[in-house]
Amino acid sequence: MSGLTLRMSQTDDYEALKKLYIKNDLEVDPDDPMPEGVIKNWKITHGKEEYLAAGLTLARYEGEYVIDGIAVEPEYRKLKIGKILLEKAISEVRALGGEQIFLVARAPEFFRKQGFVTIDEEDAPKVFDCLTCPQFNTKCHPEIMRLDLE
């Protein structure tokens, strides 16, 4: 993928991001509208056709900042675009005066490299649907993680 031109921008097209999330195995209900707590969505596109290569949704629920979705298409992984999106969200939370960001990680090693730490379920804000999902810790074993901002 040499000579690759990628473009990051803010987007209101949550439907496109939702399809990306579902395609990349995030548990998102295809019939649900954009959650009311969403602050911003970003996308990274490729080429004139603006192929959706990656996306991130930042939300605030019950006073807590949450990465409510992040996905990178497999052929674009290892290009550090997930890290770029995450840094954008972290910068946004800092600008809003946030002190922490939470997420549920299916790829915890990626987030650990970015400074997130795994926390106990009882220390997590009660905003994650997956905690009440019957597959949680049976078929699906995500880690609840937090990043403390300084």
C-alpha atoms as a PDB file:
ATOM      1  CA  MET A   1       0.000   0.000   0.000  1.00  0.00           C
ATOM      2  CA  SER A   2       2.792   2.408  -0.766  1.00  0.00           C
ATOM      3  CA  GLY A   3       1.699   5.835  -1.895  1.00  0.00           C
ATOM      4  CA  LEU A   4      -1.486   5.408   0.110  1.00  0.00           C
ATOM      5  CA  THR A   5      -3.469   8.595   0.657  1.00  0.00           C
ATOM      6  CA  LEU A   6      -5.702   8.512   3.702  1.00  0.00           C
ATOM      7  CA  ARG A   7      -7.939  11.301   4.942  1.00  0.00           C
ATOM      8  CA  MET A   8      -9.361  11.760   8.435  1.00  0.00           C
ATOM      9  CA  SER A   9     -12.493  13.822   8.955  1.00  0.00           C
ATOM     10  CA  GLN A  10     -15.371  14.226  11.324  1.00  0.00           C
ATOM     11  CA  THR A  11     -18.583  12.576  10.119  1.00  0.00           C
ATOM     12  CA  ASP A  12     -22.279  12.520  10.948  1.00  0.00           C
ATOM     13  CA  ASP A  13     -22.751   9.348   8.894  1.00  0.00           C
ATOM     14  CA  TYR A  14     -23.178   6.979  11.819  1.00  0.00           C
ATOM     15  CA  GLU A  15     -24.913   4.456   9.553  1.00  0.00           C
ATOM     16  CA  ALA A  16     -21.686   3.957   7.578  1.00  0.00           C
ATOM     17  CA  LEU A  17     -19.679   3.632  10.789  1.00  0.00           C
ATOM     18  CA  LYS A  18     -22.223   1.181  12.182  1.00  0.00           C
ATOM     19  CA  LYS A  19     -21.761  -1.039   9.109  1.00  0.00           C
ATOM     20  CA  LEU A  20     -17.989  -0.840   9.579  1.00  0.00           C
ATOM     21  CA  TYR A  21     -18.322  -1.788  13.250  1.00  0.00           C
ATOM     22  CA  ILE A  22     -20.595  -4.734  12.512  1.00  0.00           C
ATOM     23  CA  LYS A  23     -18.353  -5.926   9.672  1.00  0.00           C
ATOM     24  CA  ASN A  24     -15.439  -5.889  12.128  1.00  0.00           C
ATOM     25  CA  ASP A  25     -17.326  -7.908  14.752  1.00  0.00           C
ATOM     26  CA  LEU A  26     -18.315  -5.156  17.157  1.00  0.00           C
ATOM     27  CA  GLU A  27     -21.624  -5.883  18.789  1.00  0.00           C
ATOM     28  CA  VAL A  28     -23.764  -3.089  17.404  1.00  0.00           C
ATOM     29  CA  ASP A  29     -27.448  -3.520  16.701  1.00  0.00           C
ATOM     30  CA  PRO A  30     -28.001  -2.717  13.001  1.00  0.00           C
ATOM     31  CA  ASP A  31     -31.455  -1.310  13.803  1.00  0.00           C
ATOM     32  CA  ASP A  32     -30.350   1.114  16.513  1.00  0.00           C
ATOM     33  CA  PRO A  33     -29.969   4.808  15.673  1.00  0.00           C
ATOM     34  CA  MET A  34     -26.907   6.771  16.717  1.00  0.00           C
ATOM     35  CA  PRO A  35     -26.817   6.791  20.533  1.00  0.00           C
ATOM     36  CA  GLU A  36     -27.870  10.080  22.124  1.00  0.00           C
ATOM     37  CA  GLY A  37     -24.595  10.428  24.028  1.00  0.00           C
ATOM     38  CA  VAL A  38     -22.393  10.554  20.924  1.00  0.00           C
ATOM     39  CA  ILE A  39     -20.133  13.605  20.915  1.00  0.00           C
ATOM     40  CA  LYS A  40     -18.264  13.050  17.650  1.00  0.00           C
ATOM     41  CA  ASN A  41     -17.573  10.444  14.997  1.00  0.00           C
ATOM     42  CA  TRP A  42     -14.416  10.356  12.909  1.00  0.00           C
ATOM     43  CA  LYS A  43     -13.634   8.379   9.810  1.00  0.00           C
ATOM     44  CA  ILE A  44     -10.538   7.647   7.798  1.00  0.00           C
ATOM     45  CA  THR A  45     -11.120   7.206   4.096  1.00  0.00           C
ATOM     46  CA  HIS A  46      -8.959   6.112   1.205  1.00  0.00           C
ATOM     47  CA  GLY A  47      -8.908   7.286  -2.393  1.00  0.00           C
ATOM     48  CA  LYS A  48     -11.253   9.299  -4.566  1.00  0.00           C
ATOM     49  CA  GLU A  49     -14.041   6.852  -3.814  1.00  0.00           C
ATOM     50  CA  GLU A  50     -13.531   7.611  -0.106  1.00  0.00           C
ATOM     51  CA  TYR A  51     -13.468   3.953   0.877  1.00  0.00           C
ATOM     52  CA  LEU A  52     -14.136   3.759   4.621  1.00  0.00           C
ATOM     53  CA  ALA A  53     -10.951   2.318   6.126  1.00  0.00           C
ATOM     54  CA  ALA A  54     -11.547   3.108   9.807  1.00  0.00           C
ATOM     55  CA  GLY A  55     -13.837   4.893  12.216  1.00  0.00           C
ATOM     56  CA  LEU A  56     -14.261   5.913  15.840  1.00  0.00           C
ATOM     57  CA  THR A  57     -17.248   7.045  17.888  1.00  0.00           C
ATOM     58  CA  LEU A  58     -16.721   9.099  21.047  1.00  0.00           C
ATOM     59  CA  ALA A  59     -19.609   9.407  23.482  1.00  0.00           C
ATOM     60  CA  ARG A  60     -20.432  10.672  26.954  1.00  0.00           C
ATOM     61  CA  TYR A  61     -22.780   8.657  29.119  1.00  0.00           C
ATOM     62  CA  GLU A  62     -23.653   9.492  32.717  1.00  0.00           C
ATOM     63  CA  GLY A  63     -20.779  11.972  32.819  1.00  0.00           C
ATOM     64  CA  GLU A  64     -18.141   9.515  31.577  1.00  0.00           C
ATOM     65  CA  TYR A  65     -16.291   9.662  28.250  1.00  0.00           C
ATOM     66  CA  VAL A  66     -16.472   6.410  26.320  1.00  0.00           C
ATOM     67  CA  ILE A  67     -14.969   5.111  23.090  1.00  0.00           C
ATOM     68  CA  ASP A  68     -18.257   3.669  21.840  1.00  0.00           C
ATOM     69  CA  GLY A  69     -16.784   2.074  18.738  1.00  0.00           C
ATOM     70  CA  ILE A  70     -13.471   1.862  16.953  1.00  0.00           C
ATOM     71  CA  ALA A  71     -12.662  -0.325  13.966  1.00  0.00           C
ATOM     72  CA  VAL A  72     -10.027  -0.539  11.257  1.00  0.00           C
ATOM     73  CA  GLU A  73     -10.527  -2.677   8.177  1.00  0.00           C
ATOM     74  CA  PRO A  74      -8.029  -5.589   8.213  1.00  0.00           C
ATOM     75  CA  GLU A  75      -6.100  -4.469   5.140  1.00  0.00           C
ATOM     76  CA  TYR A  76      -5.397  -1.085   6.814  1.00  0.00           C
ATOM     77  CA  ARG A  77      -4.212  -2.448  10.139  1.00  0.00           C
ATOM     78  CA  LYS A  78      -0.535  -1.968  10.965  1.00  0.00           C
ATOM     79  CA  LEU A  79      -0.680   1.502   9.358  1.00  0.00           C
ATOM     80  CA  LYS A  80      -1.216   3.135  12.779  1.00  0.00           C
ATOM     81  CA  ILE A  81      -4.559   4.637  11.780  1.00  0.00           C
ATOM     82  CA  GLY A  82      -6.285   3.131  14.811  1.00  0.00           C
ATOM     83  CA  LYS A  83      -3.738   4.924  16.971  1.00  0.00           C
ATOM     84  CA  ILE A  84      -4.307   8.172  15.046  1.00  0.00           C
ATOM     85  CA  LEU A  85      -8.072   7.948  15.593  1.00  0.00           C
ATOM     86  CA  LEU A  86      -7.602   7.159  19.263  1.00  0.00           C
ATOM     87  CA  GLU A  87      -5.231  10.107  19.699  1.00  0.00           C
ATOM     88  CA  LYS A  88      -7.856  12.366  18.099  1.00  0.00           C
ATOM     89  CA  ALA A  89     -10.487  11.179  20.585  1.00  0.00           C
ATOM     90  CA  ILE A  90      -8.092  11.585  23.531  1.00  0.00           C
ATOM     91  CA  SER A  91      -7.294  15.122  22.403  1.00  0.00           C
ATOM     92  CA  GLU A  92     -11.016  15.894  22.166  1.00  0.00           C
ATOM     93  CA  VAL A  93     -11.688  14.573  25.678  1.00  0.00           C
ATOM     94  CA  ARG A  94      -8.798  16.623  27.062  1.00  0.00           C
ATOM     95  CA  ALA A  95     -10.154  19.745  25.332  1.00  0.00           C
ATOM     96  CA  LEU A  96     -13.541  19.068  26.951  1.00  0.00           C
ATOM     97  CA  GLY A  97     -11.906  18.824  30.377  1.00  0.00           C
ATOM     98  CA  GLY A  98     -12.288  15.055  30.706  1.00  0.00           C
ATOM     99  CA  GLU A  99     -10.073  13.155  33.113  1.00  0.00           C
ATOM    100  CA  GLN A 100     -10.726   9.563  31.992  1.00  0.00           C
ATOM    101  CA  ILE A 101     -11.849   7.567  28.979  1.00  0.00           C
ATOM    102  CA  PHE A 102     -13.447   4.137  29.211  1.00  0.00           C
ATOM    103  CA  LEU A 103     -13.977   1.399  26.637  1.00  0.00           C
ATOM    104  CA  VAL A 104     -14.688  -2.271  26.241  1.00  0.00           C
ATOM    105  CA  ALA A 105     -11.838  -3.857  24.307  1.00  0.00           C
ATOM    106  CA  ARG A 106     -11.885  -6.934  22.161  1.00  0.00           C
ATOM    107  CA  ALA A 107      -8.261  -6.134  21.232  1.00  0.00           C
ATOM    108  CA  PRO A 108      -6.898  -5.148  24.665  1.00  0.00           C
ATOM    109  CA  GLU A 109      -3.231  -5.344  23.670  1.00  0.00           C
ATOM    110  CA  PHE A 110      -3.708  -2.498  21.189  1.00  0.00           C
ATOM    111  CA  PHE A 111      -5.260  -0.301  23.882  1.00  0.00           C
ATOM    112  CA  ARG A 112      -2.659  -1.302  26.491  1.00  0.00           C
ATOM    113  CA  LYS A 113       0.030   0.026  24.117  1.00  0.00           C
ATOM    114  CA  GLN A 114      -1.854   3.345  24.107  1.00  0.00           C
ATOM    115  CA  GLY A 115      -1.836   3.567  27.917  1.00  0.00           C
ATOM    116  CA  PHE A 116      -5.203   2.012  28.796  1.00  0.00           C
ATOM    117  CA  VAL A 117      -5.379  -0.341  31.781  1.00  0.00           C
ATOM    118  CA  THR A 118      -7.821  -3.151  32.464  1.00  0.00           C
ATOM    119  CA  ILE A 119     -10.217  -2.451  35.321  1.00  0.00           C
ATOM    120  CA  ASP A 120     -12.605  -4.616  37.304  1.00  0.00           C
ATOM    121  CA  GLU A 121     -16.219  -4.721  36.191  1.00  0.00           C
ATOM    122  CA  GLU A 122     -17.327  -3.147  39.486  1.00  0.00           C
ATOM    123  CA  ASP A 123     -15.013  -0.155  38.856  1.00  0.00           C
ATOM    124  CA  ALA A 124     -16.499   0.511  35.423  1.00  0.00           C
ATOM    125  CA  PRO A 125     -19.258   3.035  34.817  1.00  0.00           C
ATOM    126  CA  LYS A 126     -22.598   1.302  34.347  1.00  0.00           C
ATOM    127  CA  VAL A 127     -22.904   2.418  30.719  1.00  0.00           C
ATOM    128  CA  PHE A 128     -21.748  -0.658  28.813  1.00  0.00           C
ATOM    129  CA  ASP A 129     -24.495  -2.838  27.348  1.00  0.00           C
ATOM    130  CA  CYS A 130     -22.118  -5.753  27.033  1.00  0.00           C
ATOM    131  CA  LEU A 131     -21.942  -6.132  30.820  1.00  0.00           C
ATOM    132  CA  THR A 132     -25.551  -7.328  30.797  1.00  0.00           C
ATOM    133  CA  CYS A 133     -25.237  -9.392  27.604  1.00  0.00           C
ATOM    134  CA  PRO A 134     -25.694 -13.148  28.132  1.00  0.00           C
ATOM    135  CA  GLN A 135     -22.525 -13.776  26.082  1.00  0.00           C
ATOM    136  CA  PHE A 136     -20.361 -11.602  28.382  1.00  0.00           C
ATOM    137  CA  ASN A 137     -17.622 -13.790  29.868  1.00  0.00           C
ATOM    138  CA  THR A 138     -19.139 -16.925  28.328  1.00  0.00           C
ATOM    139  CA  LYS A 139     -18.679 -16.628  24.544  1.00  0.00           C
ATOM    140  CA  CYS A 140     -17.278 -13.097  24.534  1.00  0.00           C
ATOM    141  CA  HIS A 141     -14.403 -12.059  26.809  1.00  0.00           C
ATOM    142  CA  PRO A 142     -13.705  -8.347  26.309  1.00  0.00           C
ATOM    143  CA  GLU A 143     -11.738  -6.290  28.801  1.00  0.00           C
ATOM    144  CA  ILE A 144     -13.104  -3.134  30.374  1.00  0.00           C
ATOM    145  CA  MET A 145     -10.382  -0.528  30.163  1.00  0.00           C
ATOM    146  CA  ARG A 146      -9.682   3.012  31.316  1.00  0.00           C
ATOM    147  CA  LEU A 147      -7.213   5.694  30.332  1.00  0.00           C
ATOM    148  CA  ASP A 148      -6.419   8.316  32.956  1.00  0.00           C
ATOM    149  CA  LEU A 149      -5.645  11.683  31.368  1.00  0.00           C
ATOM    150  CA  GLU A 150      -3.149  14.002  33.023  1.00  0.00           C
END
